[in-house]
Amino acid sequence: MKVLKLRETIHIHPLFFLLAISAFLTGAIYEFIVIFSIVFIHELGHFLVAKHYNWRITKMEIWLFGGAVVSEEHNTRPFKEQVHVILAGPFQHVWIFVLLFIIQFTAGPHSLISTAFFYNGIILLFNLLPIWPLDGGKLLFYISNQLLTLRQSQMVTLMFSLGIMFIAGGWLFLESRWTLATILLTAFLFIENGLEWKRRSYTQMRYLLYCAYQERPPMKTKYIKVEQDTLVRDVLKNIRCNCHHKYVLKQPPRFYIVDEQECLRAFFERKQAQLRIRDIQKVAL
């Protein structure tokens, strides 16, 4: 049953088929098989650890020189889980290196082993680049979530990602290293970054809905000072992942604390996005 579920979850991106056709026409079929095997093992690492933490997985996608385990929970889970799932992919390359060393030591040098060594290293380094949606880009997003708001984390991650892509593209151009594979891969990454930019508001809204209606594990409480006239919608724009927010208002002669759940109820249930945070207490009464 588990094997059947895994098979139904796997999705091969069309770009990977283009690479397969290109490999067949150029006689690089063995290199293609090596790349496919390494990429599949890499993504299987992500998949198994995500399943270990009971993440809801939509699909495991295989594309050019990498892939993705698609889950709606990638920014709603505890930081430790997120990091474990991300690092599970690169970790697979470590034991692949060890296995290749053992095979080479036992059977002697072979061109196919050298090819596997090369692509295993290339795929590992490539996936660790801080480019969205590679492992390095997601790791950057998760780390920035610990320091910045969700909105700011999205901006920083995508801006940094685009900057690295332009630098890498310039280097490839100057070194005359553009190939069909690198052109397809670059196009794919630019498209993914563009799509992520377009759906950034949807991502934020989805996280707010999660905070409002899903049972969350215990989180650290973050106290934030806000002005009394701050609108509910503006407060929620600056929400952070993996934190429970309490907003502190100074209402003489004492302080008044508003819980994030009160803001979320005002936003989603009462449809009062323009409500001032100082008036939440009156509405609740």
Protein backbone atom coordinates (compact mmCIF):
# COMPACT_ATOMS: atom_id res chain seq x y z
CA MET A 1 0.00 0.00 0.00
CA LYS A 2 2.83 2.43 0.86
CA VAL A 3 4.55 1.67 -2.45
CA LEU A 4 1.30 2.37 -4.30
CA LYS A 5 0.91 5.71 -2.53
CA LEU A 6 4.47 6.68 -3.40
CA ARG A 7 3.93 5.76 -7.04
CA GLU A 8 0.77 7.85 -7.19
CA THR A 9 2.58 10.77 -5.57
CA ILE A 10 5.47 10.96 -8.06
CA HIS A 11 5.11 13.54 -10.81
CA ILE A 12 7.69 13.96 -13.59
CA HIS A 13 8.05 17.55 -14.81
CA PRO A 14 7.91 18.00 -18.63
CA LEU A 15 11.40 19.57 -18.59
CA PHE A 16 12.81 16.26 -17.42
CA PHE A 17 11.38 14.54 -20.50
CA LEU A 18 13.08 17.16 -22.67
CA LEU A 19 16.35 16.26 -21.00
CA ALA A 20 15.65 12.57 -21.62
CA ILE A 21 15.04 13.17 -25.33
CA SER A 22 18.17 15.31 -25.54
CA ALA A 23 20.21 12.56 -23.81
CA PHE A 24 18.86 9.90 -26.17
CA LEU A 25 19.64 11.97 -29.28
CA THR A 26 23.17 12.81 -28.11
CA GLY A 27 24.02 9.33 -26.88
CA ALA A 28 24.23 10.40 -23.22
CA ILE A 29 21.65 7.91 -22.02
CA TYR A 30 23.88 6.50 -19.24
CA GLU A 31 24.50 9.99 -17.88
CA PHE A 32 20.76 10.59 -17.91
CA ILE A 33 20.11 7.40 -15.92
CA VAL A 34 22.74 8.44 -13.36
CA ILE A 35 21.19 11.91 -13.01
CA PHE A 36 17.68 10.51 -12.69
CA SER A 37 18.76 8.01 -10.02
CA ILE A 38 20.55 10.64 -7.92
CA VAL A 39 17.66 13.12 -8.19
CA PHE A 40 15.12 10.45 -7.26
CA ILE A 41 17.11 9.37 -4.17
CA HIS A 42 17.52 13.05 -3.18
CA GLU A 43 13.77 13.70 -3.36
CA LEU A 44 12.97 10.41 -1.68
CA GLY A 45 14.98 11.64 1.32
CA HIS A 46 12.74 14.73 1.56
CA PHE A 47 9.64 12.59 1.09
CA LEU A 48 10.42 10.02 3.78
CA VAL A 49 11.34 12.59 6.45
CA ALA A 50 8.24 14.66 5.64
CA LYS A 51 6.14 11.52 5.99
CA HIS A 52 7.90 10.78 9.29
CA TYR A 53 6.61 14.12 10.59
CA ASN A 54 3.13 13.41 9.12
CA TRP A 55 3.21 16.25 6.60
CA ARG A 56 0.40 16.27 4.06
CA ILE A 57 2.19 15.82 0.73
CA THR A 58 0.54 16.76 -2.56
CA LYS A 59 3.19 15.28 -4.84
CA MET A 60 6.87 14.49 -5.25
CA GLU A 61 7.99 16.27 -8.40
CA ILE A 62 11.09 15.37 -10.42
CA TRP A 63 12.51 18.03 -12.71
CA LEU A 64 15.80 19.08 -14.24
CA PHE A 65 18.76 18.42 -11.87
CA GLY A 66 16.42 18.41 -8.90
CA GLY A 67 12.85 18.13 -7.73
CA ALA A 68 10.44 19.11 -5.01
CA VAL A 69 8.23 17.54 -2.38
CA VAL A 70 5.14 19.72 -2.68
CA SER A 71 3.33 20.27 0.60
CA GLU A 72 0.98 22.98 1.82
CA GLU A 73 2.67 22.73 5.22
CA HIS A 74 6.15 23.87 4.26
CA ASN A 75 5.84 27.15 6.21
CA THR A 76 3.41 26.08 8.94
CA ARG A 77 5.49 23.43 10.67
CA PRO A 78 8.00 23.94 13.52
CA PHE A 79 11.40 25.21 12.43
CA LYS A 80 13.14 21.97 13.44
CA GLU A 81 10.87 19.89 11.20
CA GLN A 82 11.35 22.26 8.28
CA VAL A 83 15.14 22.08 8.55
CA HIS A 84 15.15 18.30 8.92
CA VAL A 85 12.98 17.84 5.82
CA ILE A 86 15.17 20.20 3.76
CA LEU A 87 18.51 18.70 4.87
CA ALA A 88 17.26 15.15 4.29
CA GLY A 89 17.77 15.69 0.54
CA PRO A 90 21.42 16.84 0.60
CA PHE A 91 22.21 14.16 3.21
CA GLN A 92 21.47 11.45 0.63
CA HIS A 93 24.47 12.59 -1.41
CA VAL A 94 26.77 11.78 1.51
CA TRP A 95 25.96 8.07 1.56
CA ILE A 96 25.94 8.02 -2.26
CA PHE A 97 29.54 9.28 -2.16
CA VAL A 98 30.43 6.60 0.39
CA LEU A 99 28.80 3.89 -1.74
CA LEU A 100 30.64 5.05 -4.86
CA PHE A 101 33.96 5.02 -2.99
CA ILE A 102 33.29 1.44 -1.86
CA ILE A 103 32.35 0.33 -5.39
CA GLN A 104 35.41 2.00 -6.87
CA PHE A 105 37.70 0.50 -4.22
CA THR A 106 36.21 -2.97 -4.78
CA ALA A 107 35.74 -3.06 -8.57
CA GLY A 108 38.34 -0.53 -9.65
CA PRO A 109 37.98 2.74 -11.60
CA HIS A 110 35.27 2.98 -14.24
CA SER A 111 34.02 5.88 -16.36
CA LEU A 112 30.44 5.40 -15.14
CA ILE A 113 31.58 5.67 -11.50
CA SER A 114 33.47 8.87 -12.33
CA THR A 115 30.33 10.21 -13.98
CA ALA A 116 28.28 9.37 -10.89
CA PHE A 117 30.85 11.11 -8.65
CA PHE A 118 30.68 14.23 -10.84
CA TYR A 119 26.88 14.52 -11.03
CA ASN A 120 26.40 13.64 -7.37
CA GLY A 121 28.61 16.58 -6.42
CA ILE A 122 27.07 18.93 -8.99
CA ILE A 123 23.50 18.16 -7.93
CA LEU A 124 24.42 18.55 -4.25
CA LEU A 125 26.10 21.94 -4.75
CA PHE A 126 23.39 23.13 -7.12
CA ASN A 127 20.58 22.32 -4.67
CA LEU A 128 22.36 24.15 -1.85
CA LEU A 129 22.40 27.43 -3.81
CA PRO A 130 20.18 30.06 -2.10
CA ILE A 131 17.77 30.12 -5.03
CA TRP A 132 14.04 29.51 -4.72
CA PRO A 133 12.71 26.75 -4.84
CA LEU A 134 15.99 24.86 -4.34
CA ASP A 135 16.90 23.46 -0.92
CA GLY A 136 19.23 26.39 -0.26
CA GLY A 137 16.47 28.87 -1.12
CA LYS A 138 13.97 27.17 1.18
CA LEU A 139 16.54 27.00 3.96
CA LEU A 140 17.13 30.75 3.53
CA PHE A 141 13.37 31.31 3.77
CA TYR A 142 13.03 29.22 6.94
CA ILE A 143 15.97 30.93 8.63
CA SER A 144 14.76 34.42 7.70
CA ASN A 145 11.36 33.46 9.16
CA GLN A 146 13.04 33.27 12.55
CA LEU A 147 14.24 36.87 12.25
CA LEU A 148 11.69 38.62 10.03
CA THR A 149 7.97 38.66 9.36
CA LEU A 150 6.51 36.21 6.84
CA ARG A 151 6.06 39.04 4.35
CA GLN A 152 9.65 40.26 4.76
CA SER A 153 10.99 36.69 4.53
CA GLN A 154 9.29 36.21 1.18
CA MET A 155 10.74 39.46 -0.15
CA VAL A 156 14.27 38.75 1.09
CA THR A 157 14.26 35.18 -0.22
CA LEU A 158 12.99 36.07 -3.70
CA MET A 159 15.22 39.16 -4.09
CA PHE A 160 18.28 37.20 -2.99
CA SER A 161 17.28 34.31 -5.25
CA LEU A 162 16.96 36.54 -8.32
CA GLY A 163 20.27 38.24 -7.52
CA ILE A 164 22.11 34.91 -7.36
CA MET A 165 20.50 33.78 -10.63
CA PHE A 166 21.63 36.93 -12.45
CA ILE A 167 25.16 36.49 -11.10
CA ALA A 168 25.23 32.82 -12.09
CA GLY A 169 23.78 33.64 -15.50
CA GLY A 170 26.43 36.30 -16.08
CA TRP A 171 29.19 33.86 -15.15
CA LEU A 172 27.79 31.19 -17.50
CA PHE A 173 27.66 33.76 -20.30
CA LEU A 174 31.22 34.98 -19.77
CA GLU A 175 32.54 31.42 -19.55
CA SER A 176 30.49 30.30 -22.59
CA ARG A 177 28.95 27.46 -20.58
CA TRP A 178 25.37 27.79 -21.82
CA THR A 179 23.92 24.43 -22.86
CA LEU A 180 20.39 23.23 -23.58
CA ALA A 181 20.15 21.87 -20.02
CA THR A 182 21.30 25.13 -18.39
CA ILE A 183 18.96 27.21 -20.59
CA LEU A 184 15.96 25.03 -19.67
CA LEU A 185 16.94 25.01 -16.01
CA THR A 186 17.42 28.79 -15.87
CA ALA A 187 14.06 29.35 -17.55
CA PHE A 188 12.39 26.99 -15.09
CA LEU A 189 13.90 28.78 -12.06
CA PHE A 190 12.92 32.23 -13.34
CA ILE A 191 9.36 31.00 -13.94
CA GLU A 192 9.17 29.47 -10.44
CA ASN A 193 10.43 32.69 -8.85
CA GLY A 194 7.91 34.71 -10.86
CA LEU A 195 5.05 32.44 -9.81
CA GLU A 196 6.11 32.57 -6.16
CA TRP A 197 6.17 36.38 -6.35
CA LYS A 198 2.66 36.45 -7.81
CA ARG A 199 1.23 34.10 -5.16
CA ARG A 200 2.98 35.74 -2.19
CA SER A 201 -0.32 37.30 -1.02
CA TYR A 202 -2.03 33.92 -1.31
CA THR A 203 0.77 32.33 0.74
CA GLN A 204 0.34 34.94 3.46
CA MET A 205 -3.45 34.53 3.51
CA ARG A 206 -3.12 30.74 3.65
CA TYR A 207 -0.84 31.06 6.67
CA LEU A 208 -3.28 33.40 8.42
CA LEU A 209 -6.10 30.91 7.81
CA TYR A 210 -3.91 28.20 9.27
CA CYS A 211 -3.25 30.33 12.36
CA ALA A 212 -6.95 31.08 12.74
CA TYR A 213 -8.48 27.64 12.34
CA GLN A 214 -5.83 24.94 12.81
CA GLU A 215 -4.65 23.55 16.11
CA ARG A 216 -1.02 24.57 16.38
CA PRO A 217 1.72 23.09 18.58
CA PRO A 218 2.96 25.17 21.54
CA MET A 219 5.02 28.11 20.30
CA LYS A 220 7.08 30.84 21.87
CA THR A 221 5.10 33.96 22.70
CA LYS A 222 6.22 37.21 21.13
CA TYR A 223 5.08 40.49 22.67
CA ILE A 224 4.88 43.39 20.22
CA LYS A 225 4.18 47.03 21.06
CA VAL A 226 1.64 48.60 18.70
CA GLU A 227 -0.08 51.94 18.43
CA GLN A 228 -3.73 52.07 19.44
CA ASP A 229 -4.83 53.22 15.98
CA THR A 230 -3.11 50.37 14.14
CA LEU A 231 -5.55 48.51 11.90
CA VAL A 232 -6.14 44.78 12.27
CA ARG A 233 -5.11 44.17 8.67
CA ASP A 234 -1.78 45.96 9.24
CA VAL A 235 -1.10 43.95 12.37
CA LEU A 236 -1.68 40.67 10.54
CA LYS A 237 0.54 41.73 7.63
CA ASN A 238 3.50 41.63 10.01
CA ILE A 239 2.81 38.24 11.57
CA ARG A 240 5.76 35.87 12.02
CA CYS A 241 5.88 32.14 11.48
CA ASN A 242 6.22 29.81 14.46
CA CYS A 243 5.30 32.54 16.95
CA HIS A 244 2.22 33.28 19.03
CA HIS A 245 1.75 37.04 19.00
CA LYS A 246 0.45 39.22 21.79
CA TYR A 247 0.08 42.91 20.98
CA VAL A 248 0.74 45.37 23.79
CA LEU A 249 -1.23 48.66 23.82
CA LYS A 250 -0.73 51.38 26.37
CA GLN A 251 -4.18 52.52 27.47
CA PRO A 252 -3.78 54.76 30.52
CA PRO A 253 -3.82 54.04 33.36
CA ARG A 254 -2.73 50.50 32.40
CA PHE A 255 -1.47 48.31 29.57
CA TYR A 256 -3.85 46.24 27.48
CA ILE A 257 -2.82 43.06 25.65
CA VAL A 258 -4.56 41.82 22.50
CA ASP A 259 -4.05 38.20 21.49
CA GLU A 260 -3.45 37.39 17.81
CA GLN A 261 -6.53 35.13 17.84
CA GLU A 262 -8.71 38.16 18.59
CA CYS A 263 -7.24 39.91 15.53
CA LEU A 264 -7.75 36.83 13.37
CA ARG A 265 -11.38 36.48 14.46
CA ALA A 266 -12.00 40.16 13.70
CA PHE A 267 -10.43 39.69 10.25
CA PHE A 268 -12.01 36.42 9.13
CA GLU A 269 -15.22 36.00 11.12
CA ARG A 270 -16.39 39.60 11.58
CA LYS A 271 -14.86 40.89 8.31
CA GLN A 272 -13.51 43.94 10.15
CA ALA A 273 -10.07 44.36 8.58
CA GLN A 274 -10.31 48.16 9.09
CA LEU A 275 -10.98 47.80 12.82
CA ARG A 276 -8.51 49.62 15.06
CA ILE A 277 -6.77 47.30 17.46
CA ARG A 278 -7.84 49.45 20.41
CA ASP A 279 -11.51 48.69 19.58
CA ILE A 280 -11.15 44.92 19.57
CA GLN A 281 -11.98 44.78 23.29
CA LYS A 282 -15.25 46.66 22.69
CA VAL A 283 -16.24 44.35 19.82
CA ALA A 284 -15.42 41.26 21.88
CA LEU A 285 -17.70 42.52 24.64
